[in-house]
Amino acid sequence: MSEVTSYPFIQSATKRDVSADAAQPATDYALAQMSAGGDMLAFEELYERHSRRVYSLCLRMTANTAEAEDLTQEVFIQLHRK
Protein backbone atom coordinates (compact mmCIF):
# COMPACT_ATOMS: atom_id res chain seq x y z
CA MET A 1 0.00 0.00 0.00
CA SER A 2 1.35 3.42 -0.83
CA GLU A 3 0.65 6.22 1.53
CA VAL A 4 0.65 9.84 0.40
CA THR A 5 2.11 12.23 2.91
CA SER A 6 0.82 15.76 2.97
CA TYR A 7 3.02 18.66 3.99
CA PRO A 8 0.67 21.50 4.93
CA PHE A 9 3.52 23.81 5.94
CA ILE A 10 4.83 23.76 2.36
CA GLN A 11 1.41 24.57 0.97
CA SER A 12 0.94 27.44 3.39
CA ALA A 13 4.41 28.77 2.60
CA THR A 14 3.54 28.76 -1.09
CA LYS A 15 0.33 30.64 -0.40
CA ARG A 16 2.24 33.26 1.58
CA ASP A 17 4.76 33.73 -1.24
CA VAL A 18 1.98 34.30 -3.76
CA SER A 19 0.24 36.84 -1.57
CA ALA A 20 3.56 38.56 -0.87
CA ASP A 21 4.11 38.95 -4.64
CA ALA A 22 0.64 40.45 -5.01
CA ALA A 23 1.45 42.96 -2.27
CA GLN A 24 4.51 44.28 -4.11
CA PRO A 25 4.09 47.98 -4.89
CA ALA A 26 3.89 48.97 -8.54
CA THR A 27 6.99 50.45 -10.11
CA ASP A 28 7.04 54.09 -11.13
CA TYR A 29 7.12 53.00 -14.76
CA ALA A 30 4.01 50.85 -14.31
CA LEU A 31 2.25 53.69 -12.50
CA ALA A 32 3.18 56.13 -15.27
CA GLN A 33 1.79 53.73 -17.88
CA MET A 34 -1.45 53.32 -15.94
CA SER A 35 -1.67 57.06 -15.38
CA ALA A 36 -1.23 57.69 -19.10
CA GLY A 37 -4.19 55.37 -19.61
CA GLY A 38 -6.36 57.56 -17.38
CA ASP A 39 -5.95 55.75 -14.04
CA MET A 40 -6.27 58.55 -11.45
CA LEU A 41 -5.26 56.27 -8.56
CA ALA A 42 -1.95 55.58 -10.30
CA PHE A 43 -1.43 59.32 -10.81
CA GLU A 44 -2.20 59.96 -7.14
CA GLU A 45 0.34 57.31 -6.13
CA LEU A 46 3.01 58.95 -8.30
CA TYR A 47 2.17 62.31 -6.72
CA GLU A 48 2.42 60.88 -3.20
CA ARG A 49 5.76 59.25 -3.98
CA HIS A 50 7.44 62.21 -5.66
CA SER A 51 5.81 65.52 -4.75
CA ARG A 52 8.09 66.22 -1.78
CA ARG A 53 11.21 65.57 -3.82
CA VAL A 54 10.00 67.71 -6.71
CA TYR A 55 9.06 70.52 -4.32
CA SER A 56 12.43 70.26 -2.60
CA LEU A 57 14.27 70.55 -5.90
CA CYS A 58 12.14 73.50 -7.01
CA LEU A 59 12.73 75.23 -3.68
CA ARG A 60 16.50 74.81 -4.01
CA MET A 61 16.40 76.17 -7.54
CA THR A 62 14.20 79.20 -6.82
CA ALA A 63 14.72 79.88 -3.10
CA ASN A 64 11.09 80.99 -3.05
CA THR A 65 8.41 78.84 -1.41
CA ALA A 66 5.48 80.23 -3.41
CA GLU A 67 7.28 79.73 -6.71
CA ALA A 68 8.42 76.25 -5.68
CA GLU A 69 4.80 75.30 -4.93
CA ASP A 70 3.65 76.66 -8.29
CA LEU A 71 6.42 74.84 -10.16
CA THR A 72 5.65 71.59 -8.34
CA GLN A 73 2.03 71.90 -9.33
CA GLU A 74 3.03 72.65 -12.92
CA VAL A 75 5.28 69.58 -13.05
CA PHE A 76 2.43 67.29 -12.07
CA ILE A 77 -0.04 69.03 -14.38
CA GLN A 78 2.34 68.45 -17.28
CA LEU A 79 2.85 64.84 -16.20
CA HIS A 80 -0.90 64.29 -16.11
CA ARG A 81 -1.37 65.81 -19.57
CA LYS A 82 1.25 63.55 -21.11
C-alpha atoms as a PDB file:
ATOM      1  CA  MET A   1       0.000   0.000   0.000  1.00  0.00           C
ATOM      2  CA  SER A   2       1.354   3.418  -0.830  1.00  0.00           C
ATOM      3  CA  GLU A   3       0.649   6.220   1.531  1.00  0.00           C
ATOM      4  CA  VAL A   4       0.648   9.840   0.405  1.00  0.00           C
ATOM      5  CA  THR A   5       2.113  12.234   2.905  1.00  0.00           C
ATOM      6  CA  SER A   6       0.821  15.760   2.970  1.00  0.00           C
ATOM      7  CA  TYR A   7       3.020  18.664   3.989  1.00  0.00           C
ATOM      8  CA  PRO A   8       0.667  21.500   4.931  1.00  0.00           C
ATOM      9  CA  PHE A   9       3.518  23.806   5.942  1.00  0.00           C
ATOM     10  CA  ILE A  10       4.831  23.761   2.356  1.00  0.00           C
ATOM     11  CA  GLN A  11       1.409  24.573   0.970  1.00  0.00           C
ATOM     12  CA  SER A  12       0.937  27.439   3.394  1.00  0.00           C
ATOM     13  CA  ALA A  13       4.408  28.773   2.603  1.00  0.00           C
ATOM     14  CA  THR A  14       3.540  28.758  -1.085  1.00  0.00           C
ATOM     15  CA  LYS A  15       0.330  30.645  -0.403  1.00  0.00           C
ATOM     16  CA  ARG A  16       2.235  33.264   1.585  1.00  0.00           C
ATOM     17  CA  ASP A  17       4.755  33.730  -1.236  1.00  0.00           C
ATOM     18  CA  VAL A  18       1.981  34.296  -3.763  1.00  0.00           C
ATOM     19  CA  SER A  19       0.237  36.843  -1.568  1.00  0.00           C
ATOM     20  CA  ALA A  20       3.565  38.563  -0.874  1.00  0.00           C
ATOM     21  CA  ASP A  21       4.107  38.948  -4.639  1.00  0.00           C
ATOM     22  CA  ALA A  22       0.639  40.448  -5.007  1.00  0.00           C
ATOM     23  CA  ALA A  23       1.445  42.960  -2.270  1.00  0.00           C
ATOM     24  CA  GLN A  24       4.515  44.283  -4.107  1.00  0.00           C
ATOM     25  CA  PRO A  25       4.090  47.979  -4.888  1.00  0.00           C
ATOM     26  CA  ALA A  26       3.893  48.967  -8.541  1.00  0.00           C
ATOM     27  CA  THR A  27       6.991  50.450 -10.108  1.00  0.00           C
ATOM     28  CA  ASP A  28       7.042  54.090 -11.127  1.00  0.00           C
ATOM     29  CA  TYR A  29       7.124  53.002 -14.757  1.00  0.00           C
ATOM     30  CA  ALA A  30       4.008  50.854 -14.313  1.00  0.00           C
ATOM     31  CA  LEU A  31       2.253  53.688 -12.498  1.00  0.00           C
ATOM     32  CA  ALA A  32       3.181  56.130 -15.272  1.00  0.00           C
ATOM     33  CA  GLN A  33       1.793  53.732 -17.875  1.00  0.00           C
ATOM     34  CA  MET A  34      -1.454  53.320 -15.935  1.00  0.00           C
ATOM     35  CA  SER A  35      -1.672  57.062 -15.381  1.00  0.00           C
ATOM     36  CA  ALA A  36      -1.231  57.690 -19.100  1.00  0.00           C
ATOM     37  CA  GLY A  37      -4.190  55.375 -19.612  1.00  0.00           C
ATOM     38  CA  GLY A  38      -6.362  57.560 -17.377  1.00  0.00           C
ATOM     39  CA  ASP A  39      -5.952  55.754 -14.038  1.00  0.00           C
ATOM     40  CA  MET A  40      -6.265  58.545 -11.452  1.00  0.00           C
ATOM     41  CA  LEU A  41      -5.264  56.271  -8.558  1.00  0.00           C
ATOM     42  CA  ALA A  42      -1.953  55.580 -10.299  1.00  0.00           C
ATOM     43  CA  PHE A  43      -1.430  59.317 -10.807  1.00  0.00           C
ATOM     44  CA  GLU A  44      -2.200  59.964  -7.135  1.00  0.00           C
ATOM     45  CA  GLU A  45       0.341  57.313  -6.128  1.00  0.00           C
ATOM     46  CA  LEU A  46       3.007  58.955  -8.298  1.00  0.00           C
ATOM     47  CA  TYR A  47       2.173  62.310  -6.721  1.00  0.00           C
ATOM     48  CA  GLU A  48       2.421  60.878  -3.202  1.00  0.00           C
ATOM     49  CA  ARG A  49       5.761  59.248  -3.977  1.00  0.00           C
ATOM     50  CA  HIS A  50       7.438  62.210  -5.664  1.00  0.00           C
ATOM     51  CA  SER A  51       5.806  65.519  -4.751  1.00  0.00           C
ATOM     52  CA  ARG A  52       8.086  66.219  -1.782  1.00  0.00           C
ATOM     53  CA  ARG A  53      11.214  65.569  -3.817  1.00  0.00           C
ATOM     54  CA  VAL A  54      10.000  67.709  -6.709  1.00  0.00           C
ATOM     55  CA  TYR A  55       9.059  70.521  -4.315  1.00  0.00           C
ATOM     56  CA  SER A  56      12.428  70.263  -2.597  1.00  0.00           C
ATOM     57  CA  LEU A  57      14.270  70.555  -5.896  1.00  0.00           C
ATOM     58  CA  CYS A  58      12.138  73.495  -7.010  1.00  0.00           C
ATOM     59  CA  LEU A  59      12.730  75.226  -3.684  1.00  0.00           C
ATOM     60  CA  ARG A  60      16.500  74.809  -4.010  1.00  0.00           C
ATOM     61  CA  MET A  61      16.404  76.166  -7.543  1.00  0.00           C
ATOM     62  CA  THR A  62      14.202  79.196  -6.822  1.00  0.00           C
ATOM     63  CA  ALA A  63      14.724  79.875  -3.096  1.00  0.00           C
ATOM     64  CA  ASN A  64      11.086  80.991  -3.046  1.00  0.00           C
ATOM     65  CA  THR A  65       8.406  78.845  -1.406  1.00  0.00           C
ATOM     66  CA  ALA A  66       5.480  80.231  -3.412  1.00  0.00           C
ATOM     67  CA  GLU A  67       7.278  79.729  -6.710  1.00  0.00           C
ATOM     68  CA  ALA A  68       8.420  76.254  -5.675  1.00  0.00           C
ATOM     69  CA  GLU A  69       4.801  75.304  -4.925  1.00  0.00           C
ATOM     70  CA  ASP A  70       3.653  76.659  -8.290  1.00  0.00           C
ATOM     71  CA  LEU A  71       6.420  74.841 -10.156  1.00  0.00           C
ATOM     72  CA  THR A  72       5.653  71.585  -8.337  1.00  0.00           C
ATOM     73  CA  GLN A  73       2.028  71.896  -9.330  1.00  0.00           C
ATOM     74  CA  GLU A  74       3.026  72.655 -12.918  1.00  0.00           C
ATOM     75  CA  VAL A  75       5.284  69.577 -13.052  1.00  0.00           C
ATOM     76  CA  PHE A  76       2.426  67.293 -12.069  1.00  0.00           C
ATOM     77  CA  ILE A  77      -0.044  69.026 -14.378  1.00  0.00           C
ATOM     78  CA  GLN A  78       2.337  68.451 -17.279  1.00  0.00           C
ATOM     79  CA  LEU A  79       2.851  64.844 -16.197  1.00  0.00           C
ATOM     80  CA  HIS A  80      -0.896  64.289 -16.107  1.00  0.00           C
ATOM     81  CA  ARG A  81      -1.366  65.810 -19.569  1.00  0.00           C
ATOM     82  CA  LYS A  82       1.250  63.551 -21.107  1.00  0.00           C
END
